Amino acid sequence: MGGWAIAVHGGAGVDPNLPKERQEEAKRLLTRCLHIGISALRSNLPAIDVVELVVRELETDPLFNSGRGSALTEKGTVEMEASIMDGPKRRCGAVSGLTTVKNPVSLARLVMDKTPHSYLAFAGAEEFARKQGVELVDNDYFITEDNVGMLKLAKEANSILFDYRIPTLGTCGGGAAMESPIQMNGLPISVYAPETVGCVVVDKEGRCAAATSTGGLMNKMTGRIGDSPLIGSGTYACDLVGVSCTGEGEAIIRSTLAREVAAVMEYKGLSLHEAVDYVIKYRLDEGKAGLIAVSKNGEVACGFNTTGMFRGCATEDGFMEVGVW
């Protein structure tokens, strides 16, 4: 075994004009989460416990798009989703349509541990949460002033905002709308990916795990489900690798991006870094996305075809890196 490794992300798709203060704020949060994960790994917590612990921290902080600070639906409410997967036996749990659960990733863990199912959504997931006694809050807890403003911009533009903190109208800072927006299922939308959060870990026993959590797209249709709760698309872990994805959800879903990393490692014999590069280059078509991954051998990798991706990683041998671009 190559020792433990951990990676975290706060979303792919970063405004090239992102203020330095915002970049540093994101780096501080990612660094804090890495240290939480490192401490847990040094205390011999299994990988599955570490990914849950780290994603809970990301959900609690309003900086990124998960838990508190989630993007708003077209109705101005929050609908959150998350998934978690334990590599050794490919056990998994996922949830969607959450409106009151403070930490969606932990409810996904309970779906994995306490039910015969892999995925619960909307009213059924909320009922399960109440029965399990998880912490519930009013929907208003998740809504921030920034998000209310971004929803207003999205409605004025009659569009979905990918990175809901980046205005694409000419009304803010004199910026103009992008001339060649990417498309989602053939419909034009703005170009930046949402700040989904995720964590992947391999512990010193070589066990891989992954978890992903998000509020989705700003101004999304009520009931829309993205890639984050879909096992094999936004999240995947097996005996070889753990993967968490972020970006254009519909493209990630079509390509089953997270599973594809494991597949090319297994069937093409690629290394972790080769596999990540391969799927980003050849499996996204025209979609924009990124991912983080760890292998059972203690390797860590990330890849993205967006301007940047909020990310951080560390390994047992002392390597640690946090980046945006």
C-alpha atoms as a PDB file:
ATOM      1  CA  MET A   1       0.000   0.000   0.000  1.00  0.00           C
ATOM      2  CA  GLY A   2       1.163   3.501  -0.752  1.00  0.00           C
ATOM      3  CA  GLY A   3      -0.318   5.101   2.351  1.00  0.00           C
ATOM      4  CA  TRP A   4      -3.363   7.308   2.738  1.00  0.00           C
ATOM      5  CA  ALA A   5      -4.369  10.127   0.418  1.00  0.00           C
ATOM      6  CA  ILE A   6      -7.169  12.666   0.350  1.00  0.00           C
ATOM      7  CA  ALA A   7      -8.577  15.195  -2.117  1.00  0.00           C
ATOM      8  CA  VAL A   8     -11.371  17.742  -1.803  1.00  0.00           C
ATOM      9  CA  HIS A   9     -13.079  20.011  -4.288  1.00  0.00           C
ATOM     10  CA  GLY A  10     -15.355  23.029  -4.174  1.00  0.00           C
ATOM     11  CA  GLY A  11     -16.467  22.926  -7.788  1.00  0.00           C
ATOM     12  CA  ALA A  12     -15.147  23.216 -11.337  1.00  0.00           C
ATOM     13  CA  GLY A  13     -15.687  26.366 -13.358  1.00  0.00           C
ATOM     14  CA  VAL A  14     -14.080  29.497 -11.973  1.00  0.00           C
ATOM     15  CA  ASP A  15     -14.441  33.068 -13.197  1.00  0.00           C
ATOM     16  CA  PRO A  16     -11.020  34.161 -14.524  1.00  0.00           C
ATOM     17  CA  ASN A  17     -11.718  37.553 -12.912  1.00  0.00           C
ATOM     18  CA  LEU A  18     -12.560  36.048  -9.534  1.00  0.00           C
ATOM     19  CA  PRO A  19     -11.446  38.538  -6.848  1.00  0.00           C
ATOM     20  CA  LYS A  20      -8.283  37.580  -5.007  1.00  0.00           C
ATOM     21  CA  GLU A  21     -10.123  37.780  -1.690  1.00  0.00           C
ATOM     22  CA  ARG A  22     -12.635  35.161  -2.853  1.00  0.00           C
ATOM     23  CA  GLN A  23      -9.823  32.897  -4.059  1.00  0.00           C
ATOM     24  CA  GLU A  24      -8.063  33.101  -0.724  1.00  0.00           C
ATOM     25  CA  GLU A  25     -11.314  32.483   1.175  1.00  0.00           C
ATOM     26  CA  ALA A  26     -11.862  29.323  -0.862  1.00  0.00           C
ATOM     27  CA  LYS A  27      -8.285  28.163  -0.308  1.00  0.00           C
ATOM     28  CA  ARG A  28      -8.618  28.652   3.453  1.00  0.00           C
ATOM     29  CA  LEU A  29     -11.766  26.536   3.557  1.00  0.00           C
ATOM     30  CA  LEU A  30     -10.226  23.785   1.446  1.00  0.00           C
ATOM     31  CA  THR A  31      -7.094  23.809   3.613  1.00  0.00           C
ATOM     32  CA  ARG A  32      -9.186  23.546   6.773  1.00  0.00           C
ATOM     33  CA  CYS A  33     -11.077  20.593   5.331  1.00  0.00           C
ATOM     34  CA  LEU A  34      -7.852  18.879   4.316  1.00  0.00           C
ATOM     35  CA  HIS A  35      -6.511  19.222   7.847  1.00  0.00           C
ATOM     36  CA  ILE A  36      -9.755  17.762   9.244  1.00  0.00           C
ATOM     37  CA  GLY A  37      -9.368  14.786   6.916  1.00  0.00           C
ATOM     38  CA  ILE A  38      -5.653  14.362   7.621  1.00  0.00           C
ATOM     39  CA  SER A  39      -6.265  14.360  11.368  1.00  0.00           C
ATOM     40  CA  ALA A  40      -8.972  11.723  10.963  1.00  0.00           C
ATOM     41  CA  LEU A  41      -6.748   9.546   8.790  1.00  0.00           C
ATOM     42  CA  ARG A  42      -3.902   9.810  11.281  1.00  0.00           C
ATOM     43  CA  SER A  43      -6.396   8.643  13.913  1.00  0.00           C
ATOM     44  CA  ASN A  44      -7.054   5.556  11.766  1.00  0.00           C
ATOM     45  CA  LEU A  45     -10.632   6.416  10.788  1.00  0.00           C
ATOM     46  CA  PRO A  46     -11.719   4.403   7.739  1.00  0.00           C
ATOM     47  CA  ALA A  47     -12.020   6.205   4.420  1.00  0.00           C
ATOM     48  CA  ILE A  48     -15.828   6.175   4.430  1.00  0.00           C
ATOM     49  CA  ASP A  49     -15.939   8.029   7.754  1.00  0.00           C
ATOM     50  CA  VAL A  50     -13.416  10.595   6.566  1.00  0.00           C
ATOM     51  CA  VAL A  51     -15.258  11.544   3.363  1.00  0.00           C
ATOM     52  CA  GLU A  52     -18.475  12.033   5.325  1.00  0.00           C
ATOM     53  CA  LEU A  53     -16.715  14.140   7.946  1.00  0.00           C
ATOM     54  CA  VAL A  54     -15.079  16.416   5.385  1.00  0.00           C
ATOM     55  CA  VAL A  55     -18.183  16.898   3.241  1.00  0.00           C
ATOM     56  CA  ARG A  56     -20.217  17.750   6.344  1.00  0.00           C
ATOM     57  CA  GLU A  57     -17.764  20.576   7.000  1.00  0.00           C
ATOM     58  CA  LEU A  58     -18.152  21.814   3.431  1.00  0.00           C
ATOM     59  CA  GLU A  59     -21.947  21.643   3.705  1.00  0.00           C
ATOM     60  CA  THR A  60     -21.949  23.666   6.909  1.00  0.00           C
ATOM     61  CA  ASP A  61     -19.877  26.520   5.482  1.00  0.00           C
ATOM     62  CA  PRO A  62     -21.927  28.744   3.095  1.00  0.00           C
ATOM     63  CA  LEU A  63     -19.014  29.475   0.749  1.00  0.00           C
ATOM     64  CA  PHE A  64     -19.669  26.661  -1.725  1.00  0.00           C
ATOM     65  CA  ASN A  65     -22.871  25.313  -3.241  1.00  0.00           C
ATOM     66  CA  SER A  66     -23.939  22.590  -0.793  1.00  0.00           C
ATOM     67  CA  GLY A  67     -25.921  22.557   2.431  1.00  0.00           C
ATOM     68  CA  ARG A  68     -26.047  26.130   3.708  1.00  0.00           C
ATOM     69  CA  GLY A  69     -25.367  28.352   0.713  1.00  0.00           C
ATOM     70  CA  SER A  70     -27.037  26.013  -1.798  1.00  0.00           C
ATOM     71  CA  ALA A  71     -28.272  27.363  -5.109  1.00  0.00           C
ATOM     72  CA  LEU A  72     -31.962  28.236  -5.342  1.00  0.00           C
ATOM     73  CA  THR A  73     -34.639  26.700  -7.521  1.00  0.00           C
ATOM     74  CA  GLU A  74     -36.850  28.764  -9.815  1.00  0.00           C
ATOM     75  CA  LYS A  75     -39.247  29.056  -6.854  1.00  0.00           C
ATOM     76  CA  GLY A  76     -36.572  30.481  -4.545  1.00  0.00           C
ATOM     77  CA  THR A  77     -36.266  27.366  -2.410  1.00  0.00           C
ATOM     78  CA  VAL A  78     -33.402  24.937  -1.820  1.00  0.00           C
ATOM     79  CA  GLU A  79     -33.433  21.302  -3.003  1.00  0.00           C
ATOM     80  CA  MET A  80     -30.208  19.519  -2.074  1.00  0.00           C
ATOM     81  CA  GLU A  81     -28.712  16.190  -3.082  1.00  0.00           C
ATOM     82  CA  ALA A  82     -25.746  14.068  -2.087  1.00  0.00           C
ATOM     83  CA  SER A  83     -24.218  10.623  -2.388  1.00  0.00           C
ATOM     84  CA  ILE A  84     -21.563   8.529  -0.695  1.00  0.00           C
ATOM     85  CA  MET A  85     -19.865   5.287  -1.679  1.00  0.00           C
ATOM     86  CA  ASP A  86     -17.638   2.807   0.146  1.00  0.00           C
ATOM     87  CA  GLY A  87     -15.191   1.117  -2.222  1.00  0.00           C
ATOM     88  CA  PRO A  88     -14.482  -2.304  -0.667  1.00  0.00           C
ATOM     89  CA  LYS A  89     -17.982  -3.725  -1.276  1.00  0.00           C
ATOM     90  CA  ARG A  90     -19.305  -0.884  -3.456  1.00  0.00           C
ATOM     91  CA  ARG A  91     -21.923  -0.009  -0.867  1.00  0.00           C
ATOM     92  CA  CYS A  92     -23.596   3.326  -1.545  1.00  0.00           C
ATOM     93  CA  GLY A  93     -26.314   5.735  -0.494  1.00  0.00           C
ATOM     94  CA  ALA A  94     -27.847   8.769  -2.173  1.00  0.00           C
ATOM     95  CA  VAL A  95     -30.516  11.405  -1.541  1.00  0.00           C
ATOM     96  CA  SER A  96     -32.253  14.112  -3.570  1.00  0.00           C
ATOM     97  CA  GLY A  97     -34.848  16.816  -3.083  1.00  0.00           C
ATOM     98  CA  LEU A  98     -33.886  17.594   0.514  1.00  0.00           C
ATOM     99  CA  THR A  99     -35.288  20.816   1.939  1.00  0.00           C
ATOM    100  CA  THR A 100     -34.730  20.560   5.703  1.00  0.00           C
ATOM    101  CA  VAL A 101     -31.795  18.169   6.288  1.00  0.00           C
ATOM    102  CA  LYS A 102     -28.806  20.137   7.565  1.00  0.00           C
ATOM    103  CA  ASN A 103     -26.203  17.680   6.260  1.00  0.00           C
ATOM    104  CA  PRO A 104     -27.380  15.756   3.187  1.00  0.00           C
ATOM    105  CA  VAL A 105     -24.227  13.629   2.986  1.00  0.00           C
ATOM    106  CA  SER A 106     -24.957  12.118   6.389  1.00  0.00           C
ATOM    107  CA  LEU A 107     -28.484  11.200   5.326  1.00  0.00           C
ATOM    108  CA  ALA A 108     -26.983   9.522   2.260  1.00  0.00           C
ATOM    109  CA  ARG A 109     -24.727   7.575   4.634  1.00  0.00           C
ATOM    110  CA  LEU A 110     -27.781   6.489   6.636  1.00  0.00           C
ATOM    111  CA  VAL A 111     -29.497   5.317   3.449  1.00  0.00           C
ATOM    112  CA  MET A 112     -26.430   3.158   2.840  1.00  0.00           C
ATOM    113  CA  ASP A 113     -26.180   1.850   6.403  1.00  0.00           C
ATOM    114  CA  LYS A 114     -29.767   1.675   7.604  1.00  0.00           C
ATOM    115  CA  THR A 115     -31.939   0.761   4.607  1.00  0.00           C
ATOM    116  CA  PRO A 116     -32.042  -1.999   1.975  1.00  0.00           C
ATOM    117  CA  HIS A 117     -32.001   0.725  -0.692  1.00  0.00           C
ATOM    118  CA  SER A 118     -29.405   2.902  -2.388  1.00  0.00           C
ATOM    119  CA  TYR A 119     -31.377   6.064  -3.135  1.00  0.00           C
ATOM    120  CA  LEU A 120     -34.195   8.004  -1.455  1.00  0.00           C
ATOM    121  CA  ALA A 121     -35.661  11.270  -2.731  1.00  0.00           C
ATOM    122  CA  PHE A 122     -37.989  14.133  -1.866  1.00  0.00           C
ATOM    123  CA  ALA A 123     -40.802  13.319   0.585  1.00  0.00           C
ATOM    124  CA  GLY A 124     -39.540   9.792   1.213  1.00  0.00           C
ATOM    125  CA  ALA A 125     -36.039  11.019   2.020  1.00  0.00           C
ATOM    126  CA  GLU A 126     -37.384  13.719   4.338  1.00  0.00           C
ATOM    127  CA  GLU A 127     -39.577  11.185   6.153  1.00  0.00           C
ATOM    128  CA  PHE A 128     -36.599   8.854   6.544  1.00  0.00           C
ATOM    129  CA  ALA A 129     -34.569  11.752   7.954  1.00  0.00           C
ATOM    130  CA  ARG A 130     -37.213  12.447  10.591  1.00  0.00           C
ATOM    131  CA  LYS A 131     -37.343   8.789  11.591  1.00  0.00           C
ATOM    132  CA  GLN A 132     -33.562   8.663  11.907  1.00  0.00           C
ATOM    133  CA  GLY A 133     -33.500  11.760  14.101  1.00  0.00           C
ATOM    134  CA  VAL A 134     -31.014  13.699  11.971  1.00  0.00           C
ATOM    135  CA  GLU A 135     -30.710  17.446  12.493  1.00  0.00           C
ATOM    136  CA  LEU A 136     -33.408  19.353  10.611  1.00  0.00           C
ATOM    137  CA  VAL A 137     -33.629  23.093   9.989  1.00  0.00           C
ATOM    138  CA  ASP A 138     -36.015  25.456   8.214  1.00  0.00           C
ATOM    139  CA  ASN A 139     -35.401  25.909   4.503  1.00  0.00           C
ATOM    140  CA  ASP A 140     -34.499  29.544   5.199  1.00  0.00           C
ATOM    141  CA  TYR A 141     -31.328  28.336   6.968  1.00  0.00           C
ATOM    142  CA  PHE A 142     -29.838  27.332   3.601  1.00  0.00           C
ATOM    143  CA  ILE A 143     -30.693  30.574   1.788  1.00  0.00           C
ATOM    144  CA  THR A 144     -28.083  33.340   1.706  1.00  0.00           C
ATOM    145  CA  GLU A 145     -28.381  36.961   0.606  1.00  0.00           C
ATOM    146  CA  ASP A 146     -25.905  36.346  -2.223  1.00  0.00           C
ATOM    147  CA  ASN A 147     -28.017  33.535  -3.609  1.00  0.00           C
ATOM    148  CA  VAL A 148     -31.196  35.596  -3.539  1.00  0.00           C
ATOM    149  CA  GLY A 149     -29.397  38.224  -5.604  1.00  0.00           C
ATOM    150  CA  MET A 150     -28.070  35.673  -8.070  1.00  0.00           C
ATOM    151  CA  LEU A 151     -31.516  34.127  -8.516  1.00  0.00           C
ATOM    152  CA  LYS A 152     -32.833  37.582  -9.379  1.00  0.00           C
ATOM    153  CA  LEU A 153     -30.134  37.946 -12.030  1.00  0.00           C
ATOM    154  CA  ALA A 154     -30.899  34.494 -13.408  1.00  0.00           C
ATOM    155  CA  LYS A 155     -34.598  35.277 -13.687  1.00  0.00           C
ATOM    156  CA  GLU A 156     -33.888  38.588 -15.392  1.00  0.00           C
ATOM    157  CA  ALA A 157     -31.717  36.732 -17.896  1.00  0.00           C
ATOM    158  CA  ASN A 158     -34.317  33.961 -18.176  1.00  0.00           C
ATOM    159  CA  SER A 159     -31.536  31.419 -17.802  1.00  0.00           C
ATOM    160  CA  ILE A 160     -29.813  28.972 -15.519  1.00  0.00           C
ATOM    161  CA  LEU A 161     -26.670  30.320 -13.856  1.00  0.00           C
ATOM    162  CA  PHE A 162     -24.013  27.662 -13.633  1.00  0.00           C
ATOM    163  CA  ASP A 163     -21.769  29.427 -11.163  1.00  0.00           C
ATOM    164  CA  TYR A 164     -24.471  31.305  -9.372  1.00  0.00           C
ATOM    165  CA  ARG A 165     -22.040  33.851  -7.941  1.00  0.00           C
ATOM    166  CA  ILE A 166     -20.803  34.968 -11.352  1.00  0.00           C
ATOM    167  CA  PRO A 167     -23.187  37.426 -13.065  1.00  0.00           C
ATOM    168  CA  THR A 168     -23.363  36.880 -16.814  1.00  0.00           C
ATOM    169  CA  LEU A 169     -25.442  39.978 -17.457  1.00  0.00           C
ATOM    170  CA  GLY A 170     -24.068  43.376 -18.365  1.00  0.00           C
ATOM    171  CA  THR A 171     -25.617  44.787 -15.188  1.00  0.00           C
ATOM    172  CA  CYS A 172     -22.758  43.870 -12.835  1.00  0.00           C
ATOM    173  CA  GLY A 173     -19.308  45.361 -13.261  1.00  0.00           C
ATOM    174  CA  GLY A 174     -19.964  46.091 -16.910  1.00  0.00           C
ATOM    175  CA  GLY A 175     -19.474  42.438 -17.860  1.00  0.00           C
ATOM    176  CA  ALA A 176     -21.111  41.197 -21.033  1.00  0.00           C
ATOM    177  CA  ALA A 177     -22.845  37.893 -21.591  1.00  0.00           C
ATOM    178  CA  MET A 178     -20.631  35.182 -23.089  1.00  0.00           C
ATOM    179  CA  GLU A 179     -20.742  35.138 -26.910  1.00  0.00           C
ATOM    180  CA  SER A 180     -20.666  31.350 -27.244  1.00  0.00           C
ATOM    181  CA  PRO A 181     -22.418  29.750 -24.268  1.00  0.00           C
ATOM    182  CA  ILE A 182     -22.217  26.005 -23.857  1.00  0.00           C
ATOM    183  CA  GLN A 183     -25.406  24.028 -24.166  1.00  0.00           C
ATOM    184  CA  MET A 184     -27.194  21.651 -21.850  1.00  0.00           C
ATOM    185  CA  ASN A 185     -29.257  19.112 -23.779  1.00  0.00           C
ATOM    186  CA  GLY A 186     -29.201  21.484 -26.738  1.00  0.00           C
ATOM    187  CA  LEU A 187     -30.249  24.600 -24.819  1.00  0.00           C
ATOM    188  CA  PRO A 188     -27.806  27.494 -24.266  1.00  0.00           C
ATOM    189  CA  ILE A 189     -26.813  28.320 -20.711  1.00  0.00           C
ATOM    190  CA  SER A 190     -24.006  30.305 -19.087  1.00  0.00           C
ATOM    191  CA  VAL A 191     -20.546  28.798 -19.062  1.00  0.00           C
ATOM    192  CA  TYR A 192     -19.430  28.152 -15.507  1.00  0.00           C
ATOM    193  CA  ALA A 193     -19.997  25.006 -13.505  1.00  0.00           C
ATOM    194  CA  PRO A 194     -21.639  24.989 -10.069  1.00  0.00           C
ATOM    195  CA  GLU A 195     -19.583  24.907  -6.909  1.00  0.00           C
ATOM    196  CA  THR A 196     -20.513  21.374  -5.928  1.00  0.00           C
ATOM    197  CA  VAL A 197     -18.366  19.919  -3.130  1.00  0.00           C
ATOM    198  CA  GLY A 198     -16.755  16.529  -2.821  1.00  0.00           C
ATOM    199  CA  CYS A 199     -14.115  14.434  -1.097  1.00  0.00           C
ATOM    200  CA  VAL A 200     -12.246  11.256  -1.995  1.00  0.00           C
ATOM    201  CA  VAL A 201     -10.050   9.268   0.385  1.00  0.00           C
ATOM    202  CA  VAL A 202      -7.932   6.157   0.450  1.00  0.00           C
ATOM    203  CA  ASP A 203      -6.950   5.094   3.950  1.00  0.00           C
ATOM    204  CA  LYS A 204      -3.773   3.287   4.992  1.00  0.00           C
ATOM    205  CA  GLU A 205      -5.527  -0.052   4.484  1.00  0.00           C
ATOM    206  CA  GLY A 206      -6.080   0.801   0.807  1.00  0.00           C
ATOM    207  CA  ARG A 207      -9.844   1.307   1.181  1.00  0.00           C
ATOM    208  CA  CYS A 208     -11.270   3.968  -1.143  1.00  0.00           C
ATOM    209  CA  ALA A 209     -14.377   6.083  -0.575  1.00  0.00           C
ATOM    210  CA  ALA A 210     -16.043   9.082  -2.205  1.00  0.00           C
ATOM    211  CA  ALA A 211     -18.787  11.573  -1.364  1.00  0.00           C
ATOM    212  CA  THR A 212     -20.380  14.485  -3.257  1.00  0.00           C
ATOM    213  CA  SER A 213     -22.958  17.097  -2.219  1.00  0.00           C
ATOM    214  CA  THR A 214     -24.645  20.031  -3.968  1.00  0.00           C
ATOM    215  CA  GLY A 215     -27.544  22.433  -4.164  1.00  0.00           C
ATOM    216  CA  GLY A 216     -27.583  22.085  -7.939  1.00  0.00           C
ATOM    217  CA  LEU A 217     -28.081  24.891 -10.437  1.00  0.00           C
ATOM    218  CA  MET A 218     -29.331  28.382  -9.697  1.00  0.00           C
ATOM    219  CA  ASN A 219     -32.841  28.863 -11.131  1.00  0.00           C
ATOM    220  CA  LYS A 220     -33.130  25.137 -11.873  1.00  0.00           C
ATOM    221  CA  MET A 221     -36.547  23.607 -12.467  1.00  0.00           C
ATOM    222  CA  THR A 222     -38.139  22.279  -9.305  1.00  0.00           C
ATOM    223  CA  GLY A 223     -37.453  18.551  -9.122  1.00  0.00           C
ATOM    224  CA  ARG A 224     -34.309  18.651 -11.269  1.00  0.00           C
ATOM    225  CA  ILE A 225     -31.764  16.001 -10.275  1.00  0.00           C
ATOM    226  CA  GLY A 226     -28.131  16.387 -11.282  1.00  0.00           C
ATOM    227  CA  ASP A 227     -25.123  14.104 -11.330  1.00  0.00           C
ATOM    228  CA  SER A 228     -24.055  14.490  -7.688  1.00  0.00           C
ATOM    229  CA  PRO A 229     -26.430  11.867  -6.203  1.00  0.00           C
ATOM    230  CA  LEU A 230     -26.070   9.466  -9.135  1.00  0.00           C
ATOM    231  CA  ILE A 231     -23.706   6.612  -8.393  1.00  0.00           C
ATOM    232  CA  GLY A 232     -21.361   6.141 -11.333  1.00  0.00           C
ATOM    233  CA  SER A 233     -21.869   9.669 -12.598  1.00  0.00           C
ATOM    234  CA  GLY A 234     -21.060  12.180  -9.862  1.00  0.00           C
ATOM    235  CA  THR A 235     -19.679   9.691  -7.331  1.00  0.00           C
ATOM    236  CA  TYR A 236     -18.037   6.282  -7.527  1.00  0.00           C
ATOM    237  CA  ALA A 237     -15.747   4.102  -5.425  1.00  0.00           C
ATOM    238  CA  CYS A 238     -14.545   0.528  -5.763  1.00  0.00           C
ATOM    239  CA  ASP A 239     -11.512  -1.509  -4.745  1.00  0.00           C
ATOM    240  CA  LEU A 240      -9.371   0.425  -7.250  1.00  0.00           C
ATOM    241  CA  VAL A 241     -10.365   4.061  -6.943  1.00  0.00           C
ATOM    242  CA  GLY A 242     -12.621   6.743  -5.457  1.00  0.00           C
ATOM    243  CA  VAL A 243     -13.953   9.583  -7.643  1.00  0.00           C
ATOM    244  CA  SER A 244     -16.035  12.743  -7.097  1.00  0.00           C
ATOM    245  CA  CYS A 245     -17.116  14.912 -10.038  1.00  0.00           C
ATOM    246  CA  THR A 246     -18.260  18.489 -10.491  1.00  0.00           C
ATOM    247  CA  GLY A 247     -19.414  20.644 -13.381  1.00  0.00           C
ATOM    248  CA  GLU A 248     -22.076  20.364 -16.035  1.00  0.00           C
ATOM    249  CA  GLY A 249     -24.275  17.703 -14.482  1.00  0.00           C
ATOM    250  CA  GLU A 250     -26.049  16.614 -17.628  1.00  0.00           C
ATOM    251  CA  ALA A 251     -22.712  15.970 -19.382  1.00  0.00           C
ATOM    252  CA  ILE A 252     -21.395  14.063 -16.366  1.00  0.00           C
ATOM    253  CA  ILE A 253     -24.556  11.940 -16.322  1.00  0.00           C
ATOM    254  CA  ARG A 254     -24.333  11.110 -20.029  1.00  0.00           C
ATOM    255  CA  SER A 255     -20.709  10.037 -19.701  1.00  0.00           C
ATOM    256  CA  THR A 256     -21.044   8.208 -16.354  1.00  0.00           C
ATOM    257  CA  LEU A 257     -17.850  10.099 -15.653  1.00  0.00           C
ATOM    258  CA  ALA A 258     -16.910   8.798 -12.197  1.00  0.00           C
ATOM    259  CA  ARG A 259     -17.372   5.147 -13.135  1.00  0.00           C
ATOM    260  CA  GLU A 260     -15.499   5.717 -16.384  1.00  0.00           C
ATOM    261  CA  VAL A 261     -12.317   6.485 -14.449  1.00  0.00           C
ATOM    262  CA  ALA A 262     -12.520   3.101 -12.753  1.00  0.00           C
ATOM    263  CA  ALA A 263     -13.464   1.371 -16.006  1.00  0.00           C
ATOM    264  CA  VAL A 264     -10.463   2.545 -18.000  1.00  0.00           C
ATOM    265  CA  MET A 265      -8.178   1.648 -15.103  1.00  0.00           C
ATOM    266  CA  GLU A 266      -9.688  -1.825 -14.938  1.00  0.00           C
ATOM    267  CA  TYR A 267     -10.141  -2.603 -18.634  1.00  0.00           C
ATOM    268  CA  LYS A 268      -7.430  -0.514 -20.311  1.00  0.00           C
ATOM    269  CA  GLY A 269      -4.855  -0.892 -17.547  1.00  0.00           C
ATOM    270  CA  LEU A 270      -4.342   2.867 -17.205  1.00  0.00           C
ATOM    271  CA  SER A 271      -2.768   4.447 -14.146  1.00  0.00           C
ATOM    272  CA  LEU A 272      -4.848   6.850 -12.061  1.00  0.00           C
ATOM    273  CA  HIS A 273      -3.380   9.951 -13.707  1.00  0.00           C
ATOM    274  CA  GLU A 274      -3.736   8.451 -17.176  1.00  0.00           C
ATOM    275  CA  ALA A 275      -7.351   7.494 -16.467  1.00  0.00           C
ATOM    276  CA  VAL A 276      -8.294  10.958 -15.218  1.00  0.00           C
ATOM    277  CA  ASP A 277      -6.683  12.617 -18.241  1.00  0.00           C
ATOM    278  CA  TYR A 278      -8.368  10.165 -20.596  1.00  0.00           C
ATOM    279  CA  VAL A 279     -11.934  10.629 -19.359  1.00  0.00           C
ATOM    280  CA  ILE A 280     -11.662  14.413 -19.198  1.00  0.00           C
ATOM    281  CA  LYS A 281     -10.359  14.490 -22.770  1.00  0.00           C
ATOM    282  CA  TYR A 282     -12.505  11.820 -24.400  1.00  0.00           C
ATOM    283  CA  ARG A 283     -15.686  11.276 -22.388  1.00  0.00           C
ATOM    284  CA  LEU A 284     -17.212  14.724 -21.889  1.00  0.00           C
ATOM    285  CA  ASP A 285     -17.940  15.552 -25.539  1.00  0.00           C
ATOM    286  CA  GLU A 286     -18.507  19.326 -25.333  1.00  0.00           C
ATOM    287  CA  GLY A 287     -19.361  19.291 -21.626  1.00  0.00           C
ATOM    288  CA  LYS A 288     -17.412  21.207 -18.993  1.00  0.00           C
ATOM    289  CA  ALA A 289     -16.461  19.379 -15.801  1.00  0.00           C
ATOM    290  CA  GLY A 290     -13.758  18.285 -13.408  1.00  0.00           C
ATOM    291  CA  LEU A 291     -13.054  15.525 -10.916  1.00  0.00           C
ATOM    292  CA  ILE A 292     -10.828  14.423  -8.060  1.00  0.00           C
ATOM    293  CA  ALA A 293      -9.668  10.842  -7.556  1.00  0.00           C
ATOM    294  CA  VAL A 294      -7.547   8.602  -5.346  1.00  0.00           C
ATOM    295  CA  SER A 295      -6.285   5.080  -6.015  1.00  0.00           C
ATOM    296  CA  LYS A 296      -5.873   2.149  -3.662  1.00  0.00           C
ATOM    297  CA  ASN A 297      -2.103   2.655  -3.973  1.00  0.00           C
ATOM    298  CA  GLY A 298      -2.219   6.068  -2.325  1.00  0.00           C
ATOM    299  CA  GLU A 299      -2.107   8.130  -5.524  1.00  0.00           C
ATOM    300  CA  VAL A 300      -4.157  11.309  -5.901  1.00  0.00           C
ATOM    301  CA  ALA A 301      -5.159  13.122  -9.091  1.00  0.00           C
ATOM    302  CA  CYS A 302      -7.467  15.814 -10.404  1.00  0.00           C
ATOM    303  CA  GLY A 303      -8.529  16.888 -13.862  1.00  0.00           C
ATOM    304  CA  PHE A 304     -10.777  19.539 -15.399  1.00  0.00           C
ATOM    305  CA  ASN A 305     -11.470  21.214 -18.739  1.00  0.00           C
ATOM    306  CA  THR A 306     -12.826  24.409 -17.196  1.00  0.00           C
ATOM    307  CA  THR A 307     -10.894  27.590 -16.457  1.00  0.00           C
ATOM    308  CA  GLY A 308     -10.263  26.351 -12.941  1.00  0.00           C
ATOM    309  CA  MET A 309     -11.431  24.090 -10.140  1.00  0.00           C
ATOM    310  CA  PHE A 310     -11.371  24.729  -6.399  1.00  0.00           C
ATOM    311  CA  ARG A 311      -9.372  21.782  -5.090  1.00  0.00           C
ATOM    312  CA  GLY A 312      -6.898  20.493  -2.548  1.00  0.00           C
ATOM    313  CA  CYS A 313      -5.078  17.233  -1.900  1.00  0.00           C
ATOM    314  CA  ALA A 314      -2.632  15.644   0.511  1.00  0.00           C
ATOM    315  CA  THR A 315      -0.790  12.356   0.915  1.00  0.00           C
ATOM    316  CA  GLU A 316       0.797  10.496   3.804  1.00  0.00           C
ATOM    317  CA  ASP A 317       4.315  11.286   2.606  1.00  0.00           C
ATOM    318  CA  GLY A 318       3.789  14.974   3.395  1.00  0.00           C
ATOM    319  CA  PHE A 319       2.647  16.331   0.028  1.00  0.00           C
ATOM    320  CA  MET A 320      -0.117  18.949   0.238  1.00  0.00           C
ATOM    321  CA  GLU A 321      -1.485  21.308  -2.392  1.00  0.00           C
ATOM    322  CA  VAL A 322      -4.448  23.681  -2.663  1.00  0.00           C
ATOM    323  CA  GLY A 323      -5.287  25.374  -5.937  1.00  0.00           C
ATOM    324  CA  VAL A 324      -7.865  27.194  -8.032  1.00  0.00           C
ATOM    325  CA  TRP A 325      -6.432  27.428 -11.559  1.00  0.00           C
END
